[in-house]
Amino acid sequence: MVSDVQDWLDNPANNFGWLIKGQESVGQTAKRFDSRENPTAANRPLLTIYYSPASAVTNEDLQKPDKFALQQNYPNPFNPVTTIAFTIPTNANVTLRVTDVTGRLVATLVDGRMNAGNHEIQFDGSNLASGIYIYSLQTNGMRQIRRMLLLK
């Protein structure tokens, strides 16, 4: 961005101007940089950019997810084992179930308290018939459902 602004200031005939908006809640901070109206360098506005470096990020911050999510299983279609991945943002009671298309419970993969984070669960369908199965993740009033296909 700095090089764009400098090029804009150095070559006023090659641009159409920019509108820079600042924090409008504290006053009129919008500035129009009209290079065609200010061809003389001394009359051009001076743009000063202040920035703060990002705060330090810890490994714990990188590992803690910020939202609830159930991923698509992989591989899909599968035979006979697949992986179901999900994330939970806080420690919670979690239920992960697999049902067939009629709604009959096939397996309960997780039913208990889990720590916040990214999780992967293996599902083995070797004792099941080929077909579509539904897996659902439920925790803290949140629920997500996905489909998977077992091919033998």
C-alpha atoms as a PDB file:
ATOM      1  CA  MET A   1       0.000   0.000   0.000  1.00  0.00           C
ATOM      2  CA  VAL A   2       2.832   2.389   0.804  1.00  0.00           C
ATOM      3  CA  SER A   3       4.262   2.076  -2.706  1.00  0.00           C
ATOM      4  CA  ASP A   4       0.781   2.661  -4.198  1.00  0.00           C
ATOM      5  CA  VAL A   5       0.345   5.832  -2.177  1.00  0.00           C
ATOM      6  CA  GLN A   6       3.830   7.070  -3.053  1.00  0.00           C
ATOM      7  CA  ASP A   7       3.241   6.384  -6.753  1.00  0.00           C
ATOM      8  CA  TRP A   8      -0.070   8.192  -6.466  1.00  0.00           C
ATOM      9  CA  LEU A   9       1.650  11.261  -4.964  1.00  0.00           C
ATOM     10  CA  ASP A  10       4.575  11.205  -7.406  1.00  0.00           C
ATOM     11  CA  ASN A  11       2.412  10.808 -10.543  1.00  0.00           C
ATOM     12  CA  PRO A  12      -0.771  12.861 -10.073  1.00  0.00           C
ATOM     13  CA  ALA A  13      -1.700  12.783 -13.764  1.00  0.00           C
ATOM     14  CA  ASN A  14      -1.931   8.980 -13.738  1.00  0.00           C
ATOM     15  CA  ASN A  15      -4.690   8.584 -11.179  1.00  0.00           C
ATOM     16  CA  PHE A  16      -8.160   9.721 -10.317  1.00  0.00           C
ATOM     17  CA  GLY A  17      -7.737  10.293  -6.574  1.00  0.00           C
ATOM     18  CA  TRP A  18      -8.568   8.329  -3.471  1.00  0.00           C
ATOM     19  CA  LEU A  19     -10.937   8.877  -0.604  1.00  0.00           C
ATOM     20  CA  ILE A  20      -9.435   7.955   2.751  1.00  0.00           C
ATOM     21  CA  LYS A  21     -11.851   7.561   5.666  1.00  0.00           C
ATOM     22  CA  GLY A  22     -10.766   7.510   9.255  1.00  0.00           C
ATOM     23  CA  GLN A  23     -12.612   7.220  12.532  1.00  0.00           C
ATOM     24  CA  GLU A  24     -15.756   9.187  11.642  1.00  0.00           C
ATOM     25  CA  SER A  25     -17.302   8.777  15.103  1.00  0.00           C
ATOM     26  CA  VAL A  26     -14.785  11.260  16.552  1.00  0.00           C
ATOM     27  CA  GLY A  27     -15.089  13.934  13.878  1.00  0.00           C
ATOM     28  CA  GLN A  28     -14.681  14.635  10.219  1.00  0.00           C
ATOM     29  CA  THR A  29     -11.602  12.622   9.305  1.00  0.00           C
ATOM     30  CA  ALA A  30     -12.399  11.767   5.685  1.00  0.00           C
ATOM     31  CA  LYS A  31      -9.865  13.234   3.257  1.00  0.00           C
ATOM     32  CA  ARG A  32     -10.053  13.355  -0.505  1.00  0.00           C
ATOM     33  CA  PHE A  33      -6.754  13.137  -2.316  1.00  0.00           C
ATOM     34  CA  ASP A  34      -7.508  14.877  -5.606  1.00  0.00           C
ATOM     35  CA  SER A  35      -4.294  14.752  -7.566  1.00  0.00           C
ATOM     36  CA  ARG A  36      -5.827  16.259 -10.705  1.00  0.00           C
ATOM     37  CA  GLU A  37      -7.040  19.214  -8.646  1.00  0.00           C
ATOM     38  CA  ASN A  38      -3.662  19.582  -6.917  1.00  0.00           C
ATOM     39  CA  PRO A  39      -1.011  19.101  -9.602  1.00  0.00           C
ATOM     40  CA  THR A  40       1.533  21.084  -7.570  1.00  0.00           C
ATOM     41  CA  ALA A  41       3.358  18.841  -5.124  1.00  0.00           C
ATOM     42  CA  ALA A  42       3.323  21.534  -2.420  1.00  0.00           C
ATOM     43  CA  ASN A  43      -0.480  21.671  -2.569  1.00  0.00           C
ATOM     44  CA  ARG A  44      -1.013  17.956  -2.284  1.00  0.00           C
ATOM     45  CA  PRO A  45      -2.102  16.555   1.059  1.00  0.00           C
ATOM     46  CA  LEU A  46       0.378  14.615   3.162  1.00  0.00           C
ATOM     47  CA  LEU A  47      -0.677  11.118   4.059  1.00  0.00           C
ATOM     48  CA  THR A  48       0.689   9.766   7.339  1.00  0.00           C
ATOM     49  CA  ILE A  49      -0.123   6.209   8.330  1.00  0.00           C
ATOM     50  CA  TYR A  50       0.204   5.089  11.940  1.00  0.00           C
ATOM     51  CA  TYR A  51      -0.012   1.420  12.742  1.00  0.00           C
ATOM     52  CA  SER A  52       0.496  -0.840  15.727  1.00  0.00           C
ATOM     53  CA  PRO A  53       2.127  -4.239  15.470  1.00  0.00           C
ATOM     54  CA  ALA A  54      -0.126  -7.175  16.266  1.00  0.00           C
ATOM     55  CA  SER A  55      -0.151  -8.353  19.854  1.00  0.00           C
ATOM     56  CA  ALA A  56       1.763 -11.482  20.700  1.00  0.00           C
ATOM     57  CA  VAL A  57      -0.062 -14.696  19.845  1.00  0.00           C
ATOM     58  CA  THR A  58       0.556 -17.715  22.034  1.00  0.00           C
ATOM     59  CA  ASN A  59       0.489 -21.354  20.969  1.00  0.00           C
ATOM     60  CA  GLU A  60      -2.613 -21.777  23.139  1.00  0.00           C
ATOM     61  CA  ASP A  61      -4.399 -19.056  21.118  1.00  0.00           C
ATOM     62  CA  LEU A  62      -3.535 -20.832  17.867  1.00  0.00           C
ATOM     63  CA  GLN A  63      -4.843 -24.172  19.099  1.00  0.00           C
ATOM     64  CA  LYS A  64      -8.139 -22.922  20.551  1.00  0.00           C
ATOM     65  CA  PRO A  65     -10.889 -22.850  17.916  1.00  0.00           C
ATOM     66  CA  ASP A  66     -13.331 -19.951  17.913  1.00  0.00           C
ATOM     67  CA  LYS A  67     -16.438 -21.778  16.705  1.00  0.00           C
ATOM     68  CA  PHE A  68     -18.347 -25.042  16.736  1.00  0.00           C
ATOM     69  CA  ALA A  69     -17.899 -27.016  13.502  1.00  0.00           C
ATOM     70  CA  LEU A  70     -18.473 -30.523  12.198  1.00  0.00           C
ATOM     71  CA  GLN A  71     -16.303 -31.365   9.186  1.00  0.00           C
ATOM     72  CA  GLN A  72     -17.122 -33.686   6.306  1.00  0.00           C
ATOM     73  CA  ASN A  73     -15.760 -37.160   6.984  1.00  0.00           C
ATOM     74  CA  TYR A  74     -12.763 -38.353   5.004  1.00  0.00           C
ATOM     75  CA  PRO A  75     -12.408 -40.355   2.944  1.00  0.00           C
ATOM     76  CA  ASN A  76     -15.948 -40.209   1.645  1.00  0.00           C
ATOM     77  CA  PRO A  77     -17.090 -42.608   0.248  1.00  0.00           C
ATOM     78  CA  PHE A  78     -15.261 -44.939   2.631  1.00  0.00           C
ATOM     79  CA  ASN A  79     -14.645 -48.666   3.119  1.00  0.00           C
ATOM     80  CA  PRO A  80     -14.670 -49.603   5.939  1.00  0.00           C
ATOM     81  CA  VAL A  81     -13.004 -46.866   8.082  1.00  0.00           C
ATOM     82  CA  THR A  82     -13.435 -43.092   7.919  1.00  0.00           C
ATOM     83  CA  THR A  83     -12.410 -40.116  10.060  1.00  0.00           C
ATOM     84  CA  ILE A  84     -14.869 -37.577  11.453  1.00  0.00           C
ATOM     85  CA  ALA A  85     -13.317 -34.287  12.544  1.00  0.00           C
ATOM     86  CA  PHE A  86     -14.926 -31.534  14.604  1.00  0.00           C
ATOM     87  CA  THR A  87     -14.038 -28.510  16.702  1.00  0.00           C
ATOM     88  CA  ILE A  88     -15.580 -27.166  19.863  1.00  0.00           C
ATOM     89  CA  PRO A  89     -14.669 -23.719  21.239  1.00  0.00           C
ATOM     90  CA  THR A  90     -15.216 -24.520  24.937  1.00  0.00           C
ATOM     91  CA  ASN A  91     -15.103 -27.548  27.223  1.00  0.00           C
ATOM     92  CA  ALA A  92     -18.503 -29.201  26.879  1.00  0.00           C
ATOM     93  CA  ASN A  93     -20.589 -32.353  26.952  1.00  0.00           C
ATOM     94  CA  VAL A  94     -20.458 -33.744  23.412  1.00  0.00           C
ATOM     95  CA  THR A  95     -22.502 -36.382  21.628  1.00  0.00           C
ATOM     96  CA  LEU A  96     -21.447 -37.757  18.247  1.00  0.00           C
ATOM     97  CA  ARG A  97     -23.833 -40.345  16.812  1.00  0.00           C
ATOM     98  CA  VAL A  98     -24.194 -42.269  13.557  1.00  0.00           C
ATOM     99  CA  THR A  99     -27.629 -43.312  12.266  1.00  0.00           C
ATOM    100  CA  ASP A 100     -28.870 -44.975   9.107  1.00  0.00           C
ATOM    101  CA  VAL A 101     -31.221 -43.150   6.730  1.00  0.00           C
ATOM    102  CA  THR A 102     -34.269 -44.431   8.617  1.00  0.00           C
ATOM    103  CA  GLY A 103     -33.012 -42.790  11.830  1.00  0.00           C
ATOM    104  CA  ARG A 104     -31.971 -46.026  13.553  1.00  0.00           C
ATOM    105  CA  LEU A 105     -28.946 -45.509  15.823  1.00  0.00           C
ATOM    106  CA  VAL A 106     -25.923 -47.332  14.411  1.00  0.00           C
ATOM    107  CA  ALA A 107     -23.182 -46.105  16.766  1.00  0.00           C
ATOM    108  CA  THR A 108     -22.460 -43.583  19.501  1.00  0.00           C
ATOM    109  CA  LEU A 109     -18.879 -42.458  18.913  1.00  0.00           C
ATOM    110  CA  VAL A 110     -18.678 -39.835  21.674  1.00  0.00           C
ATOM    111  CA  ASP A 111     -20.934 -39.278  24.663  1.00  0.00           C
ATOM    112  CA  GLY A 112     -19.264 -37.255  27.397  1.00  0.00           C
ATOM    113  CA  ARG A 113     -17.239 -34.224  28.383  1.00  0.00           C
ATOM    114  CA  MET A 114     -14.516 -33.074  25.978  1.00  0.00           C
ATOM    115  CA  ASN A 115     -11.976 -30.268  26.086  1.00  0.00           C
ATOM    116  CA  ALA A 116     -12.109 -27.344  23.702  1.00  0.00           C
ATOM    117  CA  GLY A 117     -10.123 -27.939  20.540  1.00  0.00           C
ATOM    118  CA  ASN A 118      -9.905 -29.921  17.342  1.00  0.00           C
ATOM    119  CA  HIS A 119     -10.887 -33.588  17.542  1.00  0.00           C
ATOM    120  CA  GLU A 120     -10.826 -36.577  15.174  1.00  0.00           C
ATOM    121  CA  ILE A 121     -12.779 -39.790  15.689  1.00  0.00           C
ATOM    122  CA  GLN A 122     -12.408 -42.987  13.659  1.00  0.00           C
ATOM    123  CA  PHE A 123     -15.598 -44.742  12.557  1.00  0.00           C
ATOM    124  CA  ASP A 124     -15.438 -48.374  11.476  1.00  0.00           C
ATOM    125  CA  GLY A 125     -18.343 -49.504   9.300  1.00  0.00           C
ATOM    126  CA  SER A 126     -17.086 -53.013   8.613  1.00  0.00           C
ATOM    127  CA  ASN A 127     -20.187 -54.551  10.230  1.00  0.00           C
ATOM    128  CA  LEU A 128     -22.615 -52.363   8.242  1.00  0.00           C
ATOM    129  CA  ALA A 129     -24.192 -52.672   4.805  1.00  0.00           C
ATOM    130  CA  SER A 130     -23.285 -50.305   1.987  1.00  0.00           C
ATOM    131  CA  GLY A 131     -25.351 -47.143   2.012  1.00  0.00           C
ATOM    132  CA  ILE A 132     -25.791 -43.598   3.247  1.00  0.00           C
ATOM    133  CA  TYR A 133     -25.300 -42.904   6.941  1.00  0.00           C
ATOM    134  CA  ILE A 134     -25.920 -39.723   8.903  1.00  0.00           C
ATOM    135  CA  TYR A 135     -23.596 -38.459  11.635  1.00  0.00           C
ATOM    136  CA  SER A 136     -24.551 -35.702  14.043  1.00  0.00           C
ATOM    137  CA  LEU A 137     -22.612 -33.667  16.584  1.00  0.00           C
ATOM    138  CA  GLN A 138     -24.430 -32.033  19.470  1.00  0.00           C
ATOM    139  CA  THR A 139     -23.099 -29.796  22.259  1.00  0.00           C
ATOM    140  CA  ASN A 140     -24.232 -26.720  24.213  1.00  0.00           C
ATOM    141  CA  GLY A 141     -27.459 -26.329  22.245  1.00  0.00           C
ATOM    142  CA  MET A 142     -25.607 -26.574  18.916  1.00  0.00           C
ATOM    143  CA  ARG A 143     -26.178 -29.400  16.448  1.00  0.00           C
ATOM    144  CA  GLN A 144     -24.737 -30.171  13.031  1.00  0.00           C
ATOM    145  CA  ILE A 145     -25.476 -33.098  10.729  1.00  0.00           C
ATOM    146  CA  ARG A 146     -23.611 -34.521   7.742  1.00  0.00           C
ATOM    147  CA  ARG A 147     -23.949 -37.519   5.424  1.00  0.00           C
ATOM    148  CA  MET A 148     -21.398 -40.154   4.540  1.00  0.00           C
ATOM    149  CA  LEU A 149     -21.392 -43.028   2.077  1.00  0.00           C
ATOM    150  CA  LEU A 150     -20.159 -46.534   2.867  1.00  0.00           C
ATOM    151  CA  LEU A 151     -19.263 -48.532  -0.283  1.00  0.00           C
ATOM    152  CA  LYS A 152     -18.235 -52.172  -0.018  1.00  0.00           C
END
